Amino acid sequence: MPYEELDDLPDSVKRNLPKHAREIYRAAYNSAEEQYDEESRAHRVAWSAVEQKYEKNEEGEWVEKEE
């Protein structure tokens, strides 16, 4: 089931990711879910998309990667 709003995302995503990363997650998840029709795979794709632009800092917070 695609996520319509950022508030619909899993709690672990909402609690940990900044807004832009949540937007990336939602877009990647929705695209992968439509393409593969497999929820667990869509979540893996979404996290991978987030990790392209974001990483955890020393405090364990997700921050945008420097170019």
PDB file of N, CA and C in Angstrom:
ATOM      1  N   MET A   1       0.843  -1.169   0.000  1.00  0.00           N
ATOM      2  CA  MET A   1       0.000   0.000   0.000  1.00  0.00           C
ATOM      3  C   MET A   1       0.898   1.246   0.000  1.00  0.00           C
ATOM      4  N   PRO A   2       0.719   2.131  -0.948  1.00  0.00           N
ATOM      5  CA  PRO A   2       1.560   3.332  -1.010  1.00  0.00           C
ATOM      6  C   PRO A   2       1.262   4.287   0.145  1.00  0.00           C
ATOM      7  N   TYR A   3       2.270   5.062   0.493  1.00  0.00           N
ATOM      8  CA  TYR A   3       2.124   6.074   1.531  1.00  0.00           C
ATOM      9  C   TYR A   3       1.690   7.378   0.880  1.00  0.00           C
ATOM     10  N   GLU A   4       0.504   7.862   1.248  1.00  0.00           N
ATOM     11  CA  GLU A   4      -0.036   9.090   0.672  1.00  0.00           C
ATOM     12  C   GLU A   4       0.620  10.330   1.277  1.00  0.00           C
ATOM     13  N   GLU A   5       0.819  10.305   2.579  1.00  0.00           N
ATOM     14  CA  GLU A   5       1.341  11.463   3.317  1.00  0.00           C
ATOM     15  C   GLU A   5       2.572  11.046   4.120  1.00  0.00           C
ATOM     16  N   LEU A   6       3.407  12.014   4.463  1.00  0.00           N
ATOM     17  CA  LEU A   6       4.578  11.719   5.292  1.00  0.00           C
ATOM     18  C   LEU A   6       4.165  11.186   6.664  1.00  0.00           C
ATOM     19  N   ASP A   7       3.019  11.627   7.165  1.00  0.00           N
ATOM     20  CA  ASP A   7       2.529  11.144   8.459  1.00  0.00           C
ATOM     21  C   ASP A   7       2.128   9.677   8.423  1.00  0.00           C
ATOM     22  N   ASP A   8       1.971   9.106   7.226  1.00  0.00           N
ATOM     23  CA  ASP A   8       1.584   7.709   7.091  1.00  0.00           C
ATOM     24  C   ASP A   8       2.784   6.761   7.178  1.00  0.00           C
ATOM     25  N   LEU A   9       3.990   7.307   7.120  1.00  0.00           N
ATOM     26  CA  LEU A   9       5.195   6.478   7.142  1.00  0.00           C
ATOM     27  C   LEU A   9       5.332   5.732   8.461  1.00  0.00           C
ATOM     28  N   PRO A  10       6.105   4.641   8.472  1.00  0.00           N
ATOM     29  CA  PRO A  10       6.328   3.916   9.739  1.00  0.00           C
ATOM     30  C   PRO A  10       6.942   4.828  10.801  1.00  0.00           C
ATOM     31  N   ASP A  11       6.642   4.546  12.051  1.00  0.00           N
ATOM     32  CA  ASP A  11       7.147   5.371  13.151  1.00  0.00           C
ATOM     33  C   ASP A  11       8.662   5.473  13.143  1.00  0.00           C
ATOM     34  N   SER A  12       9.351   4.392  12.830  1.00  0.00           N
ATOM     35  CA  SER A  12      10.819   4.420  12.832  1.00  0.00           C
ATOM     36  C   SER A  12      11.361   5.410  11.810  1.00  0.00           C
ATOM     37  N   VAL A  13      10.655   5.582  10.715  1.00  0.00           N
ATOM     38  CA  VAL A  13      11.062   6.541   9.690  1.00  0.00           C
ATOM     39  C   VAL A  13      10.727   7.951  10.158  1.00  0.00           C
ATOM     40  N   LYS A  14       9.526   8.147  10.651  1.00  0.00           N
ATOM     41  CA  LYS A  14       9.092   9.479  11.090  1.00  0.00           C
ATOM     42  C   LYS A  14       9.941  10.003  12.241  1.00  0.00           C
ATOM     43  N   ARG A  15      10.304   9.139  13.169  1.00  0.00           N
ATOM     44  CA  ARG A  15      11.061   9.567  14.347  1.00  0.00           C
ATOM     45  C   ARG A  15      12.518   9.889  14.021  1.00  0.00           C
ATOM     46  N   ASN A  16      13.089   9.239  13.036  1.00  0.00           N
ATOM     47  CA  ASN A  16      14.533   9.316  12.834  1.00  0.00           C
ATOM     48  C   ASN A  16      14.996  10.167  11.658  1.00  0.00           C
ATOM     49  N   LEU A  17      14.183  10.296  10.632  1.00  0.00           N
ATOM     50  CA  LEU A  17      14.651  10.988   9.432  1.00  0.00           C
ATOM     51  C   LEU A  17      14.165  12.424   9.354  1.00  0.00           C
ATOM     52  N   PRO A  18      15.029  13.326   8.860  1.00  0.00           N
ATOM     53  CA  PRO A  18      14.568  14.696   8.607  1.00  0.00           C
ATOM     54  C   PRO A  18      13.540  14.708   7.472  1.00  0.00           C
ATOM     55  N   LYS A  19      12.822  15.797   7.325  1.00  0.00           N
ATOM     56  CA  LYS A  19      11.720  15.864   6.367  1.00  0.00           C
ATOM     57  C   LYS A  19      12.140  15.489   4.951  1.00  0.00           C
ATOM     58  N   HIS A  20      13.236  16.036   4.447  1.00  0.00           N
ATOM     59  CA  HIS A  20      13.652  15.731   3.079  1.00  0.00           C
ATOM     60  C   HIS A  20      13.948  14.239   2.905  1.00  0.00           C
ATOM     61  N   ALA A  21      14.562  13.631   3.908  1.00  0.00           N
ATOM     62  CA  ALA A  21      14.840  12.189   3.845  1.00  0.00           C
ATOM     63  C   ALA A  21      13.541  11.382   3.866  1.00  0.00           C
ATOM     64  N   ARG A  22      12.555  11.847   4.634  1.00  0.00           N
ATOM     65  CA  ARG A  22      11.251  11.162   4.634  1.00  0.00           C
ATOM     66  C   ARG A  22      10.585  11.266   3.267  1.00  0.00           C
ATOM     67  N   GLU A  23      10.744  12.405   2.608  1.00  0.00           N
ATOM     68  CA  GLU A  23      10.194  12.567   1.258  1.00  0.00           C
ATOM     69  C   GLU A  23      10.859  11.601   0.280  1.00  0.00           C
ATOM     70  N   ILE A  24      12.171  11.453   0.395  1.00  0.00           N
ATOM     71  CA  ILE A  24      12.901  10.495  -0.447  1.00  0.00           C
ATOM     72  C   ILE A  24      12.396   9.084  -0.176  1.00  0.00           C
ATOM     73  N   TYR A  25      12.277   8.740   1.104  1.00  0.00           N
ATOM     74  CA  TYR A  25      11.819   7.410   1.501  1.00  0.00           C
ATOM     75  C   TYR A  25      10.445   7.112   0.912  1.00  0.00           C
ATOM     76  N   ARG A  26       9.521   8.057   1.083  1.00  0.00           N
ATOM     77  CA  ARG A  26       8.148   7.846   0.597  1.00  0.00           C
ATOM     78  C   ARG A  26       8.113   7.652  -0.914  1.00  0.00           C
ATOM     79  N   ALA A  27       8.819   8.496  -1.648  1.00  0.00           N
ATOM     80  CA  ALA A  27       8.822   8.394  -3.114  1.00  0.00           C
ATOM     81  C   ALA A  27       9.432   7.071  -3.567  1.00  0.00           C
ATOM     82  N   ALA A  28      10.546   6.693  -2.960  1.00  0.00           N
ATOM     83  CA  ALA A  28      11.207   5.438  -3.347  1.00  0.00           C
ATOM     84  C   ALA A  28      10.349   4.232  -2.976  1.00  0.00           C
ATOM     85  N   TYR A  29       9.766   4.266  -1.780  1.00  0.00           N
ATOM     86  CA  TYR A  29       8.908   3.158  -1.353  1.00  0.00           C
ATOM     87  C   TYR A  29       7.729   2.996  -2.304  1.00  0.00           C
ATOM     88  N   ASN A  30       7.033   4.085  -2.582  1.00  0.00           N
ATOM     89  CA  ASN A  30       5.845   4.013  -3.436  1.00  0.00           C
ATOM     90  C   ASN A  30       6.199   3.494  -4.820  1.00  0.00           C
ATOM     91  N   SER A  31       7.306   3.938  -5.367  1.00  0.00           N
ATOM     92  CA  SER A  31       7.729   3.478  -6.689  1.00  0.00           C
ATOM     93  C   SER A  31       8.076   1.984  -6.670  1.00  0.00           C
ATOM     94  N   ALA A  32       8.837   1.574  -5.666  1.00  0.00           N
ATOM     95  CA  ALA A  32       9.243   0.166  -5.573  1.00  0.00           C
ATOM     96  C   ALA A  32       8.057  -0.740  -5.275  1.00  0.00           C
ATOM     97  N   GLU A  33       7.148  -0.272  -4.445  1.00  0.00           N
ATOM     98  CA  GLU A  33       5.976  -1.081  -4.117  1.00  0.00           C
ATOM     99  C   GLU A  33       5.123  -1.308  -5.361  1.00  0.00           C
ATOM    100  N   GLU A  34       5.005  -0.278  -6.169  1.00  0.00           N
ATOM    101  CA  GLU A  34       4.246  -0.405  -7.417  1.00  0.00           C
ATOM    102  C   GLU A  34       4.966  -1.347  -8.392  1.00  0.00           C
ATOM    103  N   GLN A  35       6.276  -1.228  -8.456  1.00  0.00           N
ATOM    104  CA  GLN A  35       7.051  -2.032  -9.408  1.00  0.00           C
ATOM    105  C   GLN A  35       7.144  -3.498  -8.996  1.00  0.00           C
ATOM    106  N   TYR A  36       7.432  -3.755  -7.710  1.00  0.00           N
ATOM    107  CA  TYR A  36       7.696  -5.125  -7.255  1.00  0.00           C
ATOM    108  C   TYR A  36       6.518  -5.770  -6.543  1.00  0.00           C
ATOM    109  N   ASP A  37       5.576  -4.966  -6.049  1.00  0.00           N
ATOM    110  CA  ASP A  37       4.421  -5.474  -5.303  1.00  0.00           C
ATOM    111  C   ASP A  37       4.859  -6.372  -4.150  1.00  0.00           C
ATOM    112  N   GLU A  38       5.912  -5.929  -3.447  1.00  0.00           N
ATOM    113  CA  GLU A  38       6.451  -6.686  -2.314  1.00  0.00           C
ATOM    114  C   GLU A  38       6.892  -5.682  -1.252  1.00  0.00           C
ATOM    115  N   GLU A  39       6.187  -5.652  -0.131  1.00  0.00           N
ATOM    116  CA  GLU A  39       6.404  -4.629   0.887  1.00  0.00           C
ATOM    117  C   GLU A  39       7.826  -4.622   1.442  1.00  0.00           C
ATOM    118  N   SER A  40       8.354  -5.788   1.792  1.00  0.00           N
ATOM    119  CA  SER A  40       9.689  -5.817   2.398  1.00  0.00           C
ATOM    120  C   SER A  40      10.753  -5.318   1.420  1.00  0.00           C
ATOM    121  N   ARG A  41      10.609  -5.653   0.172  1.00  0.00           N
ATOM    122  CA  ARG A  41      11.556  -5.178  -0.845  1.00  0.00           C
ATOM    123  C   ARG A  41      11.432  -3.666  -1.035  1.00  0.00           C
ATOM    124  N   ALA A  42      10.222  -3.163  -0.997  1.00  0.00           N
ATOM    125  CA  ALA A  42      10.003  -1.724  -1.150  1.00  0.00           C
ATOM    126  C   ALA A  42      10.653  -0.956  -0.003  1.00  0.00           C
ATOM    127  N   HIS A  43      10.585  -1.488   1.220  1.00  0.00           N
ATOM    128  CA  HIS A  43      11.241  -0.835   2.351  1.00  0.00           C
ATOM    129  C   HIS A  43      12.761  -0.841   2.173  1.00  0.00           C
ATOM    130  N   ARG A  44      13.315  -1.935   1.682  1.00  0.00           N
ATOM    131  CA  ARG A  44      14.771  -1.992   1.453  1.00  0.00           C
ATOM    132  C   ARG A  44      15.187  -0.978   0.400  1.00  0.00           C
ATOM    133  N   VAL A  45      14.421  -0.873  -0.661  1.00  0.00           N
ATOM    134  CA  VAL A  45      14.708   0.104  -1.719  1.00  0.00           C
ATOM    135  C   VAL A  45      14.635   1.521  -1.161  1.00  0.00           C
ATOM    136  N   ALA A  46      13.627   1.782  -0.343  1.00  0.00           N
ATOM    137  CA  ALA A  46      13.449   3.120   0.226  1.00  0.00           C
ATOM    138  C   ALA A  46      14.624   3.494   1.124  1.00  0.00           C
ATOM    139  N   TRP A  47      15.053   2.570   1.989  1.00  0.00           N
ATOM    140  CA  TRP A  47      16.201   2.868   2.852  1.00  0.00           C
ATOM    141  C   TRP A  47      17.455   3.084   2.021  1.00  0.00           C
ATOM    142  N   SER A  48      17.622   2.306   0.984  1.00  0.00           N
ATOM    143  CA  SER A  48      18.782   2.473   0.111  1.00  0.00           C
ATOM    144  C   SER A  48      18.781   3.852  -0.540  1.00  0.00           C
ATOM    145  N   ALA A  49      17.619   4.315  -0.946  1.00  0.00           N
ATOM    146  CA  ALA A  49      17.505   5.647  -1.561  1.00  0.00           C
ATOM    147  C   ALA A  49      17.879   6.733  -0.552  1.00  0.00           C
ATOM    148  N   VAL A  50      17.433   6.582   0.681  1.00  0.00           N
ATOM    149  CA  VAL A  50      17.771   7.556   1.721  1.00  0.00           C
ATOM    150  C   VAL A  50      19.281   7.562   1.949  1.00  0.00           C
ATOM    151  N   GLU A  51      19.880   6.379   1.988  1.00  0.00           N
ATOM    152  CA  GLU A  51      21.308   6.269   2.271  1.00  0.00           C
ATOM    153  C   GLU A  51      22.178   6.820   1.145  1.00  0.00           C
ATOM    154  N   GLN A  52      21.610   7.088  -0.011  1.00  0.00           N
ATOM    155  CA  GLN A  52      22.359   7.728  -1.085  1.00  0.00           C
ATOM    156  C   GLN A  52      22.661   9.181  -0.740  1.00  0.00           C
ATOM    157  N   LYS A  53      21.769   9.830  -0.001  1.00  0.00           N
ATOM    158  CA  LYS A  53      21.894  11.259   0.316  1.00  0.00           C
ATOM    159  C   LYS A  53      22.145  11.545   1.796  1.00  0.00           C
ATOM    160  N   TYR A  54      21.835  10.587   2.661  1.00  0.00           N
ATOM    161  CA  TYR A  54      21.932  10.812   4.102  1.00  0.00           C
ATOM    162  C   TYR A  54      22.781   9.737   4.761  1.00  0.00           C
ATOM    163  N   GLU A  55      23.364  10.112   5.915  1.00  0.00           N
ATOM    164  CA  GLU A  55      24.136   9.171   6.718  1.00  0.00           C
ATOM    165  C   GLU A  55      23.951   9.536   8.185  1.00  0.00           C
ATOM    166  N   LYS A  56      24.260   8.593   9.051  1.00  0.00           N
ATOM    167  CA  LYS A  56      24.176   8.870  10.486  1.00  0.00           C
ATOM    168  C   LYS A  56      25.459   9.552  10.932  1.00  0.00           C
ATOM    169  N   ASN A  57      25.304  10.584  11.761  1.00  0.00           N
ATOM    170  CA  ASN A  57      26.481  11.252  12.309  1.00  0.00           C
ATOM    171  C   ASN A  57      26.905  10.551  13.604  1.00  0.00           C
ATOM    172  N   GLU A  58      27.884  11.127  14.299  1.00  0.00           N
ATOM    173  CA  GLU A  58      28.413  10.510  15.514  1.00  0.00           C
ATOM    174  C   GLU A  58      27.374  10.395  16.625  1.00  0.00           C
ATOM    175  N   GLU A  59      26.376  11.266  16.590  1.00  0.00           N
ATOM    176  CA  GLU A  59      25.313  11.220  17.597  1.00  0.00           C
ATOM    177  C   GLU A  59      24.177  10.281  17.206  1.00  0.00           C
ATOM    178  N   GLY A  60      24.310   9.640  16.049  1.00  0.00           N
ATOM    179  CA  GLY A  60      23.279   8.718  15.600  1.00  0.00           C
ATOM    180  C   GLY A  60      22.118   9.385  14.883  1.00  0.00           C
ATOM    181  N   GLU A  61      22.288  10.661  14.525  1.00  0.00           N
ATOM    182  CA  GLU A  61      21.241  11.386  13.809  1.00  0.00           C
ATOM    183  C   GLU A  61      21.502  11.311  12.313  1.00  0.00           C
ATOM    184  N   TRP A  62      20.424  11.251  11.543  1.00  0.00           N
ATOM    185  CA  TRP A  62      20.546  11.241  10.090  1.00  0.00           C
ATOM    186  C   TRP A  62      20.780  12.661   9.601  1.00  0.00           C
ATOM    187  N   VAL A  63      21.873  12.837   8.861  1.00  0.00           N
ATOM    188  CA  VAL A  63      22.228  14.153   8.304  1.00  0.00           C
ATOM    189  C   VAL A  63      22.565  13.979   6.833  1.00  0.00           C
ATOM    190  N   GLU A  64      22.379  15.072   6.085  1.00  0.00           N
ATOM    191  CA  GLU A  64      22.675  15.040   4.655  1.00  0.00           C
ATOM    192  C   GLU A  64      24.176  14.878   4.442  1.00  0.00           C
ATOM    193  N   LYS A  65      24.536  14.005   3.515  1.00  0.00           N
ATOM    194  CA  LYS A  65      25.946  13.790   3.197  1.00  0.00           C
ATOM    195  C   LYS A  65      26.510  15.032   2.526  1.00  0.00           C
ATOM    196  N   GLU A  66      27.769  15.285   2.808  1.00  0.00           N
ATOM    197  CA  GLU A  66      28.444  16.376   2.133  1.00  0.00           C
ATOM    198  C   GLU A  66      28.940  15.872   0.781  1.00  0.00           C
ATOM    199  N   GLU A  67      28.875  16.735  -0.203  1.00  0.00           N
ATOM    200  CA  GLU A  67      29.258  16.352  -1.567  1.00  0.00           C
ATOM    201  C   GLU A  67      30.738  16.218  -1.725  1.00  0.00           C
TER     202      GLU A  67
END
